[in-house]
Protein backbone atom coordinates (compact mmCIF):
# COMPACT_ATOMS: atom_id res chain seq x y z
CA MET A 1 -60.08 199.24 316.65
CA ALA A 2 -58.36 196.38 314.86
CA GLN A 3 -60.23 194.99 311.88
CA LEU A 4 -61.61 191.50 312.43
CA MET A 5 -60.00 188.75 310.38
CA LYS A 6 -62.12 187.41 307.56
CA LYS A 7 -63.56 184.00 308.36
CA VAL A 8 -62.41 181.06 306.25
CA SER A 9 -64.58 177.94 306.16
CA VAL A 10 -62.46 174.86 305.48
CA LEU A 11 -64.62 172.16 303.91
CA ILE A 12 -63.29 168.60 304.12
CA VAL A 13 -64.85 165.36 302.88
CA ASN A 14 -63.50 162.16 304.42
CA ILE A 15 -63.88 158.46 303.79
CA ASN A 16 -61.65 156.03 305.68
CA THR A 17 -58.56 158.25 305.98
CA ARG A 18 -58.56 158.50 309.78
CA ASP A 19 -54.82 158.80 310.37
CA VAL A 20 -54.25 161.25 307.53
CA LEU A 21 -57.33 163.23 308.57
CA LYS A 22 -55.79 163.64 312.03
CA LEU A 23 -52.64 165.08 310.47
CA CYS A 24 -54.73 167.36 308.28
CA LEU A 25 -56.66 168.78 311.23
CA GLN A 26 -53.53 169.14 313.35
CA ASN A 27 -51.94 171.10 310.52
CA LEU A 28 -54.96 173.40 310.30
CA LYS A 29 -55.29 174.11 314.01
CA ASN A 30 -52.84 177.00 314.12
CA SER A 31 -52.70 177.87 310.43
CA TYR A 32 -55.04 180.88 310.53
CA GLY A 33 -56.71 182.90 313.26
CA ASN A 34 -60.33 182.66 312.15
CA LEU A 35 -61.06 179.21 310.78
CA GLU A 36 -64.31 177.30 310.68
CA VAL A 37 -63.50 173.65 309.93
CA ILE A 38 -66.28 171.38 308.71
CA VAL A 39 -65.68 167.66 308.15
CA ALA A 40 -68.23 165.59 306.25
CA ASP A 41 -67.61 161.92 307.00
CA ASN A 42 -68.93 159.48 304.39
CA ASP A 43 -69.85 156.41 306.43
CA SER A 44 -66.21 155.64 307.28
CA SER A 45 -65.58 152.24 308.82
CA ASP A 46 -62.18 153.13 310.32
CA GLY A 47 -63.35 155.29 313.23
CA SER A 48 -62.72 158.62 311.50
CA ALA A 49 -65.89 160.24 312.85
CA GLU A 50 -65.14 159.17 316.41
CA VAL A 51 -61.62 160.61 316.17
CA VAL A 52 -62.95 164.00 315.04
CA GLU A 53 -65.50 164.08 317.86
CA LYS A 54 -63.00 163.06 320.53
CA GLU A 55 -59.74 164.73 319.49
CA PHE A 56 -60.91 167.75 317.46
CA PRO A 57 -64.03 169.13 319.16
CA TRP A 58 -63.39 172.53 317.54
CA ALA A 59 -64.13 171.00 314.12
CA ARG A 60 -67.76 170.56 313.12
CA LEU A 61 -68.56 166.97 312.13
CA LEU A 62 -71.27 166.11 309.62
CA LYS A 63 -72.16 162.43 309.29
CA VAL A 64 -73.45 161.98 305.76
CA PRO A 65 -74.12 158.92 303.57
CA ASN A 66 -71.73 158.31 300.70
CA TYR A 67 -73.83 159.79 297.93
CA GLY A 68 -70.87 161.31 296.17
CA LEU A 69 -68.29 164.03 296.63
CA ALA A 70 -70.47 166.82 295.23
CA PHE A 71 -73.30 165.81 297.58
CA SER A 72 -70.97 165.97 300.59
CA LEU A 73 -69.43 169.27 299.48
CA ASN A 74 -72.91 170.75 299.29
CA LYS A 75 -73.66 169.56 302.83
CA CYS A 76 -70.48 171.32 303.98
CA LEU A 77 -71.38 174.43 302.03
CA GLU A 78 -74.84 174.56 303.59
CA ALA A 79 -73.26 174.55 307.05
CA ALA A 80 -70.50 177.07 306.26
CA THR A 81 -70.63 180.70 307.40
CA GLY A 82 -67.29 182.01 306.15
CA ASP A 83 -66.30 184.91 303.92
CA TYR A 84 -64.17 182.45 301.96
CA TYR A 85 -64.33 178.71 301.38
CA LEU A 86 -61.31 176.43 301.25
CA TYR A 87 -62.14 173.04 299.78
CA LEU A 88 -59.44 170.79 301.18
CA GLY A 89 -58.64 167.11 300.83
CA THR A 90 -57.77 165.16 303.96
CA ASP A 91 -54.45 164.54 302.22
CA ALA A 92 -53.63 168.22 301.64
CA PHE A 93 -51.55 170.34 304.01
CA PRO A 94 -51.37 174.13 303.54
CA LYS A 95 -47.89 175.51 304.20
CA GLU A 96 -46.94 178.40 306.49
CA ASP A 97 -49.19 181.42 305.90
CA ALA A 98 -50.93 180.11 302.78
CA ILE A 99 -54.47 180.69 304.04
CA LYS A 100 -53.73 184.19 305.34
CA GLY A 101 -51.91 185.02 302.13
CA LEU A 102 -54.91 183.94 300.07
CA VAL A 103 -57.27 186.05 302.15
CA ASP A 104 -55.01 189.10 301.75
CA TYR A 105 -54.82 188.50 298.00
CA PHE A 106 -58.60 188.32 297.63
CA GLU A 107 -59.12 191.37 299.84
CA ASP A 108 -56.95 193.48 297.53
CA PRO A 109 -59.38 195.62 295.43
CA LYS A 110 -57.36 195.01 292.27
CA ASN A 111 -58.30 191.31 292.53
CA ALA A 112 -62.03 191.94 292.78
CA ASP A 113 -62.73 189.82 289.69
CA VAL A 114 -60.93 186.77 291.10
CA GLY A 115 -63.45 184.17 292.20
CA ALA A 116 -61.18 181.24 293.01
CA ALA A 117 -57.53 180.35 293.37
CA ALA A 118 -55.17 177.39 293.51
CA VAL A 119 -51.77 177.24 295.16
CA LYS A 120 -48.66 175.35 294.15
CA LEU A 121 -49.47 171.74 295.07
CA LEU A 122 -46.44 169.59 295.81
CA LEU A 123 -46.49 165.80 296.03
CA ARG A 124 -44.58 164.02 298.78
CA SER A 125 -41.73 163.57 296.32
CA GLY A 126 -41.47 167.34 295.89
CA ILE A 127 -42.75 167.20 292.31
CA GLN A 128 -45.55 169.59 291.46
CA ASP A 129 -49.02 168.07 291.18
CA MET A 130 -50.21 169.40 287.84
CA ASP A 131 -53.82 168.45 288.56
CA GLY A 132 -53.81 171.73 290.49
CA HIS A 133 -52.91 173.62 287.30
CA ARG A 134 -55.27 172.59 284.54
CA GLY A 135 -56.84 173.74 281.33
CA PHE A 136 -60.35 172.70 280.40
CA PRO A 137 -60.56 169.25 278.74
CA THR A 138 -61.66 170.33 275.29
CA PRO A 139 -61.57 167.58 272.65
CA PHE A 140 -58.28 168.87 271.25
CA ALA A 141 -56.63 169.37 274.67
CA SER A 142 -57.70 165.89 275.76
CA MET A 143 -56.52 164.29 272.53
CA THR A 144 -53.06 165.89 272.72
CA HIS A 145 -52.77 164.80 276.36
CA PHE A 146 -53.72 161.16 275.82
CA LEU A 147 -51.46 160.98 272.77
CA GLY A 148 -48.60 162.32 274.88
CA LEU A 149 -48.07 165.41 272.73
CA ASP A 150 -48.20 167.70 275.77
CA ARG A 151 -45.27 165.79 277.27
CA MET A 152 -43.35 165.95 273.98
CA PHE A 153 -43.98 169.69 273.60
CA PRO A 154 -44.54 171.03 277.15
CA LYS A 155 -43.98 174.68 276.17
CA SER A 156 -46.36 174.62 273.21
CA LYS A 157 -49.57 176.60 273.62
CA THR A 158 -51.06 174.36 270.96
CA PHE A 159 -50.22 170.93 272.38
CA ALA A 160 -49.84 171.60 276.13
CA ARG A 161 -53.25 173.01 276.97
CA TYR A 162 -54.27 170.14 279.26
CA PHE A 163 -51.89 171.10 282.09
CA MET A 164 -50.99 174.54 280.69
CA THR A 165 -47.29 173.74 281.08
CA TYR A 166 -46.39 176.53 278.68
CA GLU A 167 -47.02 178.98 281.54
CA ASP A 168 -44.27 180.06 283.96
CA LEU A 169 -45.03 177.92 287.03
CA ALA A 170 -43.02 180.27 289.24
CA GLN A 171 -45.30 183.24 288.49
CA GLU A 172 -48.96 183.85 289.26
CA HIS A 173 -51.32 183.65 286.31
CA GLU A 174 -54.83 182.70 285.33
CA ILE A 175 -55.77 179.03 284.88
CA ASP A 176 -58.95 177.23 283.88
CA THR A 177 -59.41 174.71 286.66
CA CYS A 178 -57.85 172.80 289.54
CA ILE A 179 -58.86 170.05 291.97
CA THR A 180 -60.93 170.09 295.15
CA HIS A 181 -57.95 168.97 297.20
CA PHE A 182 -57.12 172.67 297.43
CA LEU A 183 -59.58 175.14 295.95
CA PHE A 184 -60.05 178.57 297.54
CA VAL A 185 -63.31 180.30 296.57
CA SER A 186 -64.83 183.62 297.58
CA ALA A 187 -68.34 183.81 299.02
CA LYS A 188 -69.16 186.30 296.25
CA ALA A 189 -68.36 183.75 293.55
CA THR A 190 -70.13 180.99 295.48
CA GLN A 191 -73.32 183.03 295.75
CA LYS A 192 -73.33 183.55 291.99
CA VAL A 193 -72.37 180.00 291.00
CA GLY A 194 -74.44 178.14 293.58
CA LYS A 195 -74.14 174.52 294.66
CA TRP A 196 -71.99 171.73 293.30
CA ASP A 197 -73.71 169.60 290.66
CA GLU A 198 -74.48 166.50 292.71
CA LYS A 199 -77.14 165.34 290.23
CA THR A 200 -74.61 164.90 287.41
CA PHE A 201 -71.32 164.08 289.14
CA PHE A 202 -70.89 161.42 291.81
CA LEU A 203 -67.11 161.44 291.94
CA TYR A 204 -64.58 163.08 289.60
CA GLY A 205 -65.40 165.92 287.25
CA GLU A 206 -67.31 167.95 289.82
CA ASP A 207 -64.32 170.26 290.36
CA ILE A 208 -63.81 170.92 286.64
CA ASP A 209 -67.53 171.59 286.29
CA TYR A 210 -67.51 173.98 289.26
CA CYS A 211 -64.50 175.88 287.92
CA TYR A 212 -66.12 176.05 284.49
CA ARG A 213 -69.19 177.63 286.05
CA ILE A 214 -67.06 180.09 288.05
CA LYS A 215 -65.49 181.33 284.83
CA GLU A 216 -68.84 181.35 283.05
CA ALA A 217 -70.05 183.64 285.84
CA GLY A 218 -67.36 186.16 284.90
CA PHE A 219 -64.71 185.43 287.53
CA ARG A 220 -61.05 184.60 287.06
CA ILE A 221 -59.34 181.58 288.62
CA MET A 222 -55.75 182.27 289.62
CA TYR A 223 -52.72 180.08 290.19
CA LEU A 224 -50.71 181.57 293.06
CA PRO A 225 -47.36 179.75 293.47
CA GLN A 226 -46.21 182.06 296.26
CA PHE A 227 -48.52 179.95 298.46
CA ARG A 228 -48.01 176.21 298.76
CA ALA A 229 -49.58 173.02 300.02
CA GLU A 230 -48.38 169.44 300.17
CA HIS A 231 -50.63 166.81 298.59
CA TRP A 232 -50.41 163.15 299.58
CA LYS A 233 -52.16 162.14 296.40
CA GLY A 234 -54.07 158.88 296.24
CA VAL A 235 -54.64 158.32 299.97
CA THR A 236 -58.34 157.55 299.62
CA ILE A 237 -58.13 155.45 296.48
CA GLY A 238 -54.91 153.70 297.41
CA ILE A 239 -53.60 152.99 293.91
CA ARG A 240 -50.56 155.30 293.82
CA LYS A 241 -47.16 153.90 294.81
CA GLU A 242 -45.98 157.06 296.56
CA THR A 243 -48.82 156.97 299.11
CA GLN A 244 -49.26 153.22 299.62
CA ASP A 245 -47.83 153.52 303.14
CA VAL A 246 -50.62 155.87 304.23
CA ALA A 247 -53.40 154.82 301.85
CA MET A 248 -56.87 153.80 302.91
CA ASN A 249 -56.99 150.01 303.02
CA ALA A 250 -60.33 149.26 304.66
CA PRO A 251 -61.45 145.79 303.46
CA VAL A 252 -65.04 146.98 302.95
CA VAL A 253 -66.23 150.42 301.79
CA LYS A 254 -69.79 151.75 302.09
CA PHE A 255 -70.57 153.12 298.67
CA ARG A 256 -73.93 154.25 297.23
CA ASP A 257 -75.88 152.23 299.80
CA ARG A 258 -73.76 149.18 299.01
CA GLU A 259 -70.81 147.56 300.68
CA LEU A 260 -67.91 146.99 298.30
CA THR A 261 -64.69 145.14 298.85
CA LEU A 262 -61.56 147.25 298.39
CA GLY A 263 -60.87 145.69 294.99
CA LYS A 264 -64.38 146.33 293.68
CA PHE A 265 -64.23 149.86 295.10
CA ARG A 266 -61.09 150.61 293.09
CA VAL A 267 -62.67 149.18 289.94
CA GLU A 268 -65.72 151.36 290.53
CA LEU A 269 -63.52 154.44 290.88
CA GLN A 270 -61.88 153.74 287.52
CA ARG A 271 -65.33 153.47 285.98
CA LEU A 272 -66.46 156.72 287.58
CA SER A 273 -63.36 158.64 286.52
CA THR A 274 -64.03 157.95 282.84
CA ASP A 275 -67.79 158.39 283.23
CA ALA A 276 -67.00 161.89 284.51
CA MET A 277 -65.21 162.72 281.26
CA GLU A 278 -68.33 161.82 279.29
CA LEU A 279 -70.67 163.63 281.68
CA PHE A 280 -68.63 166.85 281.57
CA TYR A 281 -68.44 166.73 277.78
CA LYS A 282 -72.18 166.18 277.42
CA LYS A 283 -72.98 169.02 279.81
CA HIS A 284 -70.64 171.68 278.43
CA TYR A 285 -69.30 170.71 275.01
CA TYR A 286 -71.66 168.32 273.23
CA HIS A 287 -73.64 171.01 271.42
CA LYS A 288 -70.63 173.24 270.80
CA TYR A 289 -69.01 170.81 268.38
CA PRO A 290 -70.19 168.97 265.24
CA LEU A 291 -72.24 165.86 265.95
CA ILE A 292 -69.68 163.58 264.31
CA LEU A 293 -66.91 164.90 266.58
CA SER A 294 -69.05 164.63 269.70
CA SER A 295 -70.01 161.06 268.79
CA LEU A 296 -66.35 160.19 268.30
CA VAL A 297 -65.42 161.70 271.67
CA ILE A 298 -68.15 159.77 273.50
CA THR A 299 -67.25 156.48 271.79
CA THR A 300 -63.54 156.94 272.52
CA THR A 301 -64.27 157.74 276.16
CA ARG A 302 -66.34 154.58 276.57
CA LEU A 303 -63.62 152.44 275.03
CA PHE A 304 -61.12 154.08 277.38
CA LYS A 305 -63.36 153.17 280.32
CA ILE A 306 -63.34 149.50 279.31
CA TYR A 307 -59.55 149.59 279.18
CA ARG A 308 -59.14 151.27 282.59
CA VAL A 309 -61.66 149.04 284.36
CA ASN A 310 -60.08 145.85 283.07
CA LYS A 311 -56.59 147.12 283.80
CA GLN A 312 -57.61 147.69 287.44
CA ARG A 313 -59.13 144.22 287.63
CA CYS A 314 -55.83 142.76 286.43
CA ILE A 315 -53.94 144.78 289.05
CA ASN A 316 -56.31 143.55 291.77
CA TRP A 317 -55.85 139.94 290.62
CA ARG A 318 -52.06 140.26 290.50
CA LYS A 319 -51.92 141.74 294.00
CA GLY A 320 -54.52 139.39 295.44
CA ILE A 321 -56.97 142.19 296.26
CA LYS A 322 -60.58 141.04 296.33
């Protein structure tokens, strides 16, 4: 009797990316023989939920308020019944037999200590998205990144820890963390790590935190470049030039029980992205370093937030976005 294929639960969180979500689901339909697709829609105003119900009845739709990415991922996780979980962005498209290949890799007994994996993420331009190949943001790694030292010395194990560019990107190897746009996790690791930290992280940082906890639980996280996915980065936020033609541009976004204009939404995202840096540091690093260093890191992060928020406001003003 043929062995049944392991079930993979694909967990997708959507907000106002209807057209890209359709492409994502179409791409998944015949990608693997035993998929359970769960879409958590965050109060989209562009008809995303209706499209899933009408055109993709085989996908399970969860209508959830926009209380953050970690909150929505937990709702998906609660509904999932798979042997493996693939956290996938609506703007990510697994190539060829990527999902099957990942299952086969995890089923190999020699990889029993692997709890999660990332594939080679390629942007629409064909350039590799290094957010899928990260080191943990220690104070030193973050400092060398923001000073540009990792770009000056990309093969240095000292200065290039942020994106780990000293590794051979054509060969599989262990990494620290990646992004939720494509994160493959075993049920075994999930049972040990538990839920996403929705109390601390609203948006940004939740993936680094989750990967940190996976490694703290004794599992490895692998980068597997033999499997690939395309990433249309920035579709939801809409601030990257390469995805402006497909970016979410809803004039009003439901956000934390509020309705924000697109411009204010983008400002809020810049604020949240730097808040996440501080939250992660306080949770995992604050007491591991001298108080004077931790105080300096927190102060620098807050100054960086002021810069990013005001830069986005200037961009909104220049482009006439309210």
